[in-house]
Amino acid sequence: MSRLDMHINNLCSEIKKFYPQALIEVSKEPYEDEDANIEVMLPDGVLNIDFELKMAEKSVDLQRTEGYNILILTHNERLA
């Protein structure tokens, strides 16, 4: 397993700790300069700013310490 895959798996595990029912899709096809995108589809009616801020902080920390730009996109299933 590559270091990038390890970090993606760690982020997905962290997401599942918050929301076990969340649907997660991972893409390594860059949109711009991302190494990977993690799309998190939360159940209808669920919004959690603290969760989004924590995930953004983890993403920024990974970019700073490991050089990986992993974008975490969070939205409600209803919007999908």
PDB file of N, CA and C in Angstrom:
ATOM      1  N   MET A   1       0.849  -1.174   0.000  1.00  0.00           N
ATOM      2  CA  MET A   1       0.000   0.000   0.000  1.00  0.00           C
ATOM      3  C   MET A   1       0.898   1.242   0.000  1.00  0.00           C
ATOM      4  N   SER A   2       0.582   2.186  -0.864  1.00  0.00           N
ATOM      5  CA  SER A   2       1.365   3.424  -0.934  1.00  0.00           C
ATOM      6  C   SER A   2       1.057   4.326   0.263  1.00  0.00           C
ATOM      7  N   ARG A   3       1.932   5.295   0.486  1.00  0.00           N
ATOM      8  CA  ARG A   3       1.702   6.250   1.585  1.00  0.00           C
ATOM      9  C   ARG A   3       0.420   7.045   1.335  1.00  0.00           C
ATOM     10  N   LEU A   4       0.174   7.398   0.087  1.00  0.00           N
ATOM     11  CA  LEU A   4      -1.060   8.119  -0.238  1.00  0.00           C
ATOM     12  C   LEU A   4      -2.276   7.274   0.126  1.00  0.00           C
ATOM     13  N   ASP A   5      -2.264   6.005  -0.261  1.00  0.00           N
ATOM     14  CA  ASP A   5      -3.385   5.115   0.075  1.00  0.00           C
ATOM     15  C   ASP A   5      -3.561   4.984   1.584  1.00  0.00           C
ATOM     16  N   MET A   6      -2.444   4.921   2.304  1.00  0.00           N
ATOM     17  CA  MET A   6      -2.511   4.824   3.762  1.00  0.00           C
ATOM     18  C   MET A   6      -3.210   6.054   4.355  1.00  0.00           C
ATOM     19  N   HIS A   7      -2.855   7.229   3.863  1.00  0.00           N
ATOM     20  CA  HIS A   7      -3.469   8.463   4.371  1.00  0.00           C
ATOM     21  C   HIS A   7      -4.948   8.548   3.986  1.00  0.00           C
ATOM     22  N   ILE A   8      -5.270   8.116   2.782  1.00  0.00           N
ATOM     23  CA  ILE A   8      -6.673   8.095   2.364  1.00  0.00           C
ATOM     24  C   ILE A   8      -7.471   7.167   3.272  1.00  0.00           C
ATOM     25  N   ASN A   9      -6.941   5.980   3.523  1.00  0.00           N
ATOM     26  CA  ASN A   9      -7.631   5.021   4.401  1.00  0.00           C
ATOM     27  C   ASN A   9      -7.804   5.573   5.810  1.00  0.00           C
ATOM     28  N   ASN A  10      -6.774   6.249   6.322  1.00  0.00           N
ATOM     29  CA  ASN A  10      -6.871   6.843   7.661  1.00  0.00           C
ATOM     30  C   ASN A  10      -7.963   7.908   7.715  1.00  0.00           C
ATOM     31  N   LEU A  11      -8.029   8.748   6.692  1.00  0.00           N
ATOM     32  CA  LEU A  11      -9.068   9.780   6.655  1.00  0.00           C
ATOM     33  C   LEU A  11     -10.458   9.152   6.564  1.00  0.00           C
ATOM     34  N   CYS A  12     -10.599   8.128   5.742  1.00  0.00           N
ATOM     35  CA  CYS A  12     -11.902   7.457   5.613  1.00  0.00           C
ATOM     36  C   CYS A  12     -12.309   6.804   6.929  1.00  0.00           C
ATOM     37  N   SER A  13     -11.355   6.227   7.640  1.00  0.00           N
ATOM     38  CA  SER A  13     -11.656   5.631   8.952  1.00  0.00           C
ATOM     39  C   SER A  13     -12.110   6.693   9.937  1.00  0.00           C
ATOM     40  N   GLU A  14     -11.458   7.836   9.908  1.00  0.00           N
ATOM     41  CA  GLU A  14     -11.837   8.942  10.792  1.00  0.00           C
ATOM     42  C   GLU A  14     -13.251   9.427  10.469  1.00  0.00           C
ATOM     43  N   ILE A  15     -13.570   9.510   9.196  1.00  0.00           N
ATOM     44  CA  ILE A  15     -14.918   9.919   8.779  1.00  0.00           C
ATOM     45  C   ILE A  15     -15.951   8.928   9.298  1.00  0.00           C
ATOM     46  N   LYS A  16     -15.669   7.640   9.167  1.00  0.00           N
ATOM     47  CA  LYS A  16     -16.610   6.603   9.608  1.00  0.00           C
ATOM     48  C   LYS A  16     -16.791   6.603  11.129  1.00  0.00           C
ATOM     49  N   LYS A  17     -15.786   7.087  11.878  1.00  0.00           N
ATOM     50  CA  LYS A  17     -15.941   7.217  13.334  1.00  0.00           C
ATOM     51  C   LYS A  17     -17.032   8.234  13.656  1.00  0.00           C
ATOM     52  N   PHE A  18     -17.058   9.328  12.898  1.00  0.00           N
ATOM     53  CA  PHE A  18     -18.065  10.366  13.104  1.00  0.00           C
ATOM     54  C   PHE A  18     -19.429   9.918  12.606  1.00  0.00           C
ATOM     55  N   TYR A  19     -19.448   9.376  11.388  1.00  0.00           N
ATOM     56  CA  TYR A  19     -20.700   9.019  10.724  1.00  0.00           C
ATOM     57  C   TYR A  19     -20.580   7.644  10.076  1.00  0.00           C
ATOM     58  N   PRO A  20     -20.855   6.583  10.828  1.00  0.00           N
ATOM     59  CA  PRO A  20     -20.756   5.233  10.260  1.00  0.00           C
ATOM     60  C   PRO A  20     -21.661   5.032   9.043  1.00  0.00           C
ATOM     61  N   GLN A  21     -22.745   5.780   8.968  1.00  0.00           N
ATOM     62  CA  GLN A  21     -23.699   5.623   7.873  1.00  0.00           C
ATOM     63  C   GLN A  21     -23.338   6.450   6.639  1.00  0.00           C
ATOM     64  N   ALA A  22     -22.279   7.241   6.706  1.00  0.00           N
ATOM     65  CA  ALA A  22     -21.882   8.077   5.570  1.00  0.00           C
ATOM     66  C   ALA A  22     -21.412   7.211   4.403  1.00  0.00           C
ATOM     67  N   LEU A  23     -21.709   7.670   3.208  1.00  0.00           N
ATOM     68  CA  LEU A  23     -21.187   7.037   1.999  1.00  0.00           C
ATOM     69  C   LEU A  23     -19.927   7.781   1.598  1.00  0.00           C
ATOM     70  N   ILE A  24     -18.890   7.039   1.257  1.00  0.00           N
ATOM     71  CA  ILE A  24     -17.604   7.647   0.921  1.00  0.00           C
ATOM     72  C   ILE A  24     -17.161   7.149  -0.446  1.00  0.00           C
ATOM     73  N   GLU A  25     -16.778   8.094  -1.299  1.00  0.00           N
ATOM     74  CA  GLU A  25     -16.212   7.762  -2.605  1.00  0.00           C
ATOM     75  C   GLU A  25     -14.851   8.430  -2.709  1.00  0.00           C
ATOM     76  N   VAL A  26     -13.869   7.668  -3.154  1.00  0.00           N
ATOM     77  CA  VAL A  26     -12.507   8.180  -3.290  1.00  0.00           C
ATOM     78  C   VAL A  26     -12.137   8.196  -4.766  1.00  0.00           C
ATOM     79  N   SER A  27     -11.545   9.298  -5.188  1.00  0.00           N
ATOM     80  CA  SER A  27     -11.059   9.417  -6.559  1.00  0.00           C
ATOM     81  C   SER A  27      -9.625   9.921  -6.518  1.00  0.00           C
ATOM     82  N   LYS A  28      -8.773   9.272  -7.295  1.00  0.00           N
ATOM     83  CA  LYS A  28      -7.392   9.745  -7.417  1.00  0.00           C
ATOM     84  C   LYS A  28      -7.180  10.486  -8.732  1.00  0.00           C
ATOM     85  N   GLU A  29      -8.268  10.734  -9.453  1.00  0.00           N
ATOM     86  CA  GLU A  29      -8.172  11.519 -10.676  1.00  0.00           C
ATOM     87  C   GLU A  29      -8.189  12.986 -10.281  1.00  0.00           C
ATOM     88  N   PRO A  30      -7.084  13.672 -10.472  1.00  0.00           N
ATOM     89  CA  PRO A  30      -7.014  15.062 -10.007  1.00  0.00           C
ATOM     90  C   PRO A  30      -7.923  15.987 -10.802  1.00  0.00           C
ATOM     91  N   TYR A  31      -8.555  16.895 -10.065  1.00  0.00           N
ATOM     92  CA  TYR A  31      -9.347  17.942 -10.703  1.00  0.00           C
ATOM     93  C   TYR A  31      -8.416  19.082 -11.085  1.00  0.00           C
ATOM     94  N   GLU A  32      -7.578  19.471 -10.163  1.00  0.00           N
ATOM     95  CA  GLU A  32      -6.558  20.484 -10.428  1.00  0.00           C
ATOM     96  C   GLU A  32      -5.226  19.947  -9.924  1.00  0.00           C
ATOM     97  N   ASP A  33      -4.900  20.264  -8.671  1.00  0.00           N
ATOM     98  CA  ASP A  33      -3.614  19.810  -8.137  1.00  0.00           C
ATOM     99  C   ASP A  33      -3.766  18.832  -6.980  1.00  0.00           C
ATOM    100  N   GLU A  34      -4.966  18.266  -6.822  1.00  0.00           N
ATOM    101  CA  GLU A  34      -5.181  17.316  -5.737  1.00  0.00           C
ATOM    102  C   GLU A  34      -4.525  15.979  -6.065  1.00  0.00           C
ATOM    103  N   ASP A  35      -4.076  15.304  -5.016  1.00  0.00           N
ATOM    104  CA  ASP A  35      -3.599  13.932  -5.166  1.00  0.00           C
ATOM    105  C   ASP A  35      -4.768  12.963  -5.088  1.00  0.00           C
ATOM    106  N   ALA A  36      -5.815  13.365  -4.366  1.00  0.00           N
ATOM    107  CA  ALA A  36      -7.017  12.540  -4.238  1.00  0.00           C
ATOM    108  C   ALA A  36      -8.168  13.408  -3.749  1.00  0.00           C
ATOM    109  N   ASN A  37      -9.372  12.948  -4.045  1.00  0.00           N
ATOM    110  CA  ASN A  37     -10.591  13.577  -3.539  1.00  0.00           C
ATOM    111  C   ASN A  37     -11.376  12.534  -2.771  1.00  0.00           C
ATOM    112  N   ILE A  38     -11.861  12.919  -1.602  1.00  0.00           N
ATOM    113  CA  ILE A  38     -12.739  12.056  -0.820  1.00  0.00           C
ATOM    114  C   ILE A  38     -14.081  12.762  -0.744  1.00  0.00           C
ATOM    115  N   GLU A  39     -15.088  12.143  -1.332  1.00  0.00           N
ATOM    116  CA  GLU A  39     -16.434  12.711  -1.310  1.00  0.00           C
ATOM    117  C   GLU A  39     -17.231  12.003  -0.225  1.00  0.00           C
ATOM    118  N   VAL A  40     -17.753  12.782   0.719  1.00  0.00           N
ATOM    119  CA  VAL A  40     -18.501  12.239   1.852  1.00  0.00           C
ATOM    120  C   VAL A  40     -19.951  12.660   1.709  1.00  0.00           C
ATOM    121  N   MET A  41     -20.828  11.673   1.592  1.00  0.00           N
ATOM    122  CA  MET A  41     -22.255  11.948   1.482  1.00  0.00           C
ATOM    123  C   MET A  41     -22.912  11.604   2.810  1.00  0.00           C
ATOM    124  N   LEU A  42     -23.295  12.638   3.525  1.00  0.00           N
ATOM    125  CA  LEU A  42     -23.920  12.458   4.833  1.00  0.00           C
ATOM    126  C   LEU A  42     -25.409  12.180   4.672  1.00  0.00           C
ATOM    127  N   PRO A  43     -26.017  11.539   5.652  1.00  0.00           N
ATOM    128  CA  PRO A  43     -27.461  11.281   5.587  1.00  0.00           C
ATOM    129  C   PRO A  43     -28.251  12.585   5.504  1.00  0.00           C
ATOM    130  N   ASP A  44     -29.443  12.501   4.946  1.00  0.00           N
ATOM    131  CA  ASP A  44     -30.319  13.673   4.848  1.00  0.00           C
ATOM    132  C   ASP A  44     -30.447  14.376   6.187  1.00  0.00           C
ATOM    133  N   GLY A  45     -30.355  15.688   6.152  1.00  0.00           N
ATOM    134  CA  GLY A  45     -30.582  16.486   7.350  1.00  0.00           C
ATOM    135  C   GLY A  45     -29.386  16.629   8.267  1.00  0.00           C
ATOM    136  N   VAL A  46     -28.273  15.969   7.951  1.00  0.00           N
ATOM    137  CA  VAL A  46     -27.103  16.032   8.833  1.00  0.00           C
ATOM    138  C   VAL A  46     -26.166  17.130   8.351  1.00  0.00           C
ATOM    139  N   LEU A  47     -25.903  18.078   9.217  1.00  0.00           N
ATOM    140  CA  LEU A  47     -24.899  19.109   8.971  1.00  0.00           C
ATOM    141  C   LEU A  47     -24.081  19.248  10.241  1.00  0.00           C
ATOM    142  N   ASN A  48     -22.784  19.248  10.109  1.00  0.00           N
ATOM    143  CA  ASN A  48     -21.936  19.357  11.283  1.00  0.00           C
ATOM    144  C   ASN A  48     -20.703  20.171  10.929  1.00  0.00           C
ATOM    145  N   ILE A  49     -20.722  21.427  11.285  1.00  0.00           N
ATOM    146  CA  ILE A  49     -19.608  22.320  10.977  1.00  0.00           C
ATOM    147  C   ILE A  49     -18.337  21.859  11.678  1.00  0.00           C
ATOM    148  N   ASP A  50     -18.444  21.381  12.918  1.00  0.00           N
ATOM    149  CA  ASP A  50     -17.261  20.899  13.638  1.00  0.00           C
ATOM    150  C   ASP A  50     -16.590  19.755  12.883  1.00  0.00           C
ATOM    151  N   PHE A  51     -17.387  18.840  12.348  1.00  0.00           N
ATOM    152  CA  PHE A  51     -16.861  17.723  11.565  1.00  0.00           C
ATOM    153  C   PHE A  51     -16.135  18.241  10.330  1.00  0.00           C
ATOM    154  N   GLU A  52     -16.759  19.154   9.602  1.00  0.00           N
ATOM    155  CA  GLU A  52     -16.147  19.693   8.391  1.00  0.00           C
ATOM    156  C   GLU A  52     -14.848  20.423   8.703  1.00  0.00           C
ATOM    157  N   LEU A  53     -14.827  21.186   9.792  1.00  0.00           N
ATOM    158  CA  LEU A  53     -13.605  21.888  10.176  1.00  0.00           C
ATOM    159  C   LEU A  53     -12.502  20.916  10.571  1.00  0.00           C
ATOM    160  N   LYS A  54     -12.852  19.866  11.297  1.00  0.00           N
ATOM    161  CA  LYS A  54     -11.864  18.865  11.706  1.00  0.00           C
ATOM    162  C   LYS A  54     -11.271  18.167  10.479  1.00  0.00           C
ATOM    163  N   MET A  55     -12.101  17.812   9.517  1.00  0.00           N
ATOM    164  CA  MET A  55     -11.610  17.149   8.310  1.00  0.00           C
ATOM    165  C   MET A  55     -10.740  18.098   7.481  1.00  0.00           C
ATOM    166  N   ALA A  56     -11.126  19.361   7.401  1.00  0.00           N
ATOM    167  CA  ALA A  56     -10.320  20.343   6.677  1.00  0.00           C
ATOM    168  C   ALA A  56      -8.960  20.509   7.350  1.00  0.00           C
ATOM    169  N   GLU A  57      -8.953  20.531   8.676  1.00  0.00           N
ATOM    170  CA  GLU A  57      -7.699  20.649   9.420  1.00  0.00           C
ATOM    171  C   GLU A  57      -6.796  19.443   9.157  1.00  0.00           C
ATOM    172  N   LYS A  58      -7.361  18.250   9.150  1.00  0.00           N
ATOM    173  CA  LYS A  58      -6.582  17.039   8.869  1.00  0.00           C
ATOM    174  C   LYS A  58      -6.006  17.085   7.454  1.00  0.00           C
ATOM    175  N   SER A  59      -6.800  17.561   6.505  1.00  0.00           N
ATOM    176  CA  SER A  59      -6.349  17.668   5.126  1.00  0.00           C
ATOM    177  C   SER A  59      -5.181  18.649   5.003  1.00  0.00           C
ATOM    178  N   VAL A  60      -5.295  19.792   5.654  1.00  0.00           N
ATOM    179  CA  VAL A  60      -4.229  20.796   5.621  1.00  0.00           C
ATOM    180  C   VAL A  60      -2.973  20.263   6.312  1.00  0.00           C
ATOM    181  N   ASP A  61      -3.140  19.582   7.435  1.00  0.00           N
ATOM    182  CA  ASP A  61      -1.989  18.995   8.135  1.00  0.00           C
ATOM    183  C   ASP A  61      -1.258  17.993   7.247  1.00  0.00           C
ATOM    184  N   LEU A  62      -2.006  17.166   6.526  1.00  0.00           N
ATOM    185  CA  LEU A  62      -1.382  16.196   5.621  1.00  0.00           C
ATOM    186  C   LEU A  62      -0.612  16.892   4.509  1.00  0.00           C
ATOM    187  N   GLN A  63      -1.181  17.964   3.994  1.00  0.00           N
ATOM    188  CA  GLN A  63      -0.485  18.687   2.931  1.00  0.00           C
ATOM    189  C   GLN A  63       0.803  19.306   3.462  1.00  0.00           C
ATOM    190  N   ARG A  64       0.732  19.846   4.654  1.00  0.00           N
ATOM    191  CA  ARG A  64       1.897  20.480   5.261  1.00  0.00           C
ATOM    192  C   ARG A  64       2.990  19.472   5.616  1.00  0.00           C
ATOM    193  N   THR A  65       2.603  18.346   6.217  1.00  0.00           N
ATOM    194  CA  THR A  65       3.596  17.401   6.729  1.00  0.00           C
ATOM    195  C   THR A  65       4.031  16.347   5.713  1.00  0.00           C
ATOM    196  N   GLU A  66       3.119  15.927   4.836  1.00  0.00           N
ATOM    197  CA  GLU A  66       3.423  14.831   3.909  1.00  0.00           C
ATOM    198  C   GLU A  66       3.467  15.271   2.446  1.00  0.00           C
ATOM    199  N   GLY A  67       2.933  16.464   2.162  1.00  0.00           N
ATOM    200  CA  GLY A  67       2.934  16.957   0.794  1.00  0.00           C
ATOM    201  C   GLY A  67       1.777  16.468  -0.063  1.00  0.00           C
ATOM    202  N   TYR A  68       0.822  15.771   0.551  1.00  0.00           N
ATOM    203  CA  TYR A  68      -0.339  15.270  -0.192  1.00  0.00           C
ATOM    204  C   TYR A  68      -1.498  16.250  -0.082  1.00  0.00           C
ATOM    205  N   ASN A  69      -2.083  16.562  -1.229  1.00  0.00           N
ATOM    206  CA  ASN A  69      -3.250  17.435  -1.266  1.00  0.00           C
ATOM    207  C   ASN A  69      -4.483  16.549  -1.452  1.00  0.00           C
ATOM    208  N   ILE A  70      -5.151  16.254  -0.345  1.00  0.00           N
ATOM    209  CA  ILE A  70      -6.341  15.405  -0.370  1.00  0.00           C
ATOM    210  C   ILE A  70      -7.533  16.276  -0.004  1.00  0.00           C
ATOM    211  N   LEU A  71      -8.402  16.493  -0.965  1.00  0.00           N
ATOM    212  CA  LEU A  71      -9.575  17.339  -0.765  1.00  0.00           C
ATOM    213  C   LEU A  71     -10.730  16.491  -0.247  1.00  0.00           C
ATOM    214  N   ILE A  72     -11.367  16.948   0.821  1.00  0.00           N
ATOM    215  CA  ILE A  72     -12.511  16.243   1.390  1.00  0.00           C
ATOM    216  C   ILE A  72     -13.758  17.081   1.126  1.00  0.00           C
ATOM    217  N   LEU A  73     -14.651  16.544   0.318  1.00  0.00           N
ATOM    218  CA  LEU A  73     -15.891  17.229  -0.046  1.00  0.00           C
ATOM    219  C   LEU A  73     -17.028  16.610   0.746  1.00  0.00           C
ATOM    220  N   THR A  74     -17.738  17.423   1.497  1.00  0.00           N
ATOM    221  CA  THR A  74     -18.828  16.921   2.328  1.00  0.00           C
ATOM    222  C   THR A  74     -20.138  17.534   1.862  1.00  0.00           C
ATOM    223  N   HIS A  75     -21.132  16.692   1.656  1.00  0.00           N
ATOM    224  CA  HIS A  75     -22.457  17.211   1.327  1.00  0.00           C
ATOM    225  C   HIS A  75     -23.525  16.231   1.777  1.00  0.00           C
ATOM    226  N   ASN A  76     -24.731  16.693   1.698  1.00  0.00           N
ATOM    227  CA  ASN A  76     -25.894  15.916   2.104  1.00  0.00           C
ATOM    228  C   ASN A  76     -26.319  15.037   0.935  1.00  0.00           C
ATOM    229  N   GLU A  77     -26.717  13.785   1.196  1.00  0.00           N
ATOM    230  CA  GLU A  77     -27.128  12.874   0.119  1.00  0.00           C
ATOM    231  C   GLU A  77     -28.202  13.484  -0.768  1.00  0.00           C
ATOM    232  N   ARG A  78     -29.059  14.269  -0.171  1.00  0.00           N
ATOM    233  CA  ARG A  78     -30.165  14.878  -0.908  1.00  0.00           C
ATOM    234  C   ARG A  78     -29.642  15.754  -2.050  1.00  0.00           C
ATOM    235  N   LEU A  79     -28.429  16.288  -1.900  1.00  0.00           N
ATOM    236  CA  LEU A  79     -27.866  17.172  -2.911  1.00  0.00           C
ATOM    237  C   LEU A  79     -27.152  16.418  -4.014  1.00  0.00           C
ATOM    238  N   ALA A  80     -26.935  15.136  -3.828  1.00  0.00           N
ATOM    239  CA  ALA A  80     -26.160  14.344  -4.794  1.00  0.00           C
ATOM    240  C   ALA A  80     -26.917  14.161  -6.099  1.00  0.00           C
TER     241      ALA A  80
END
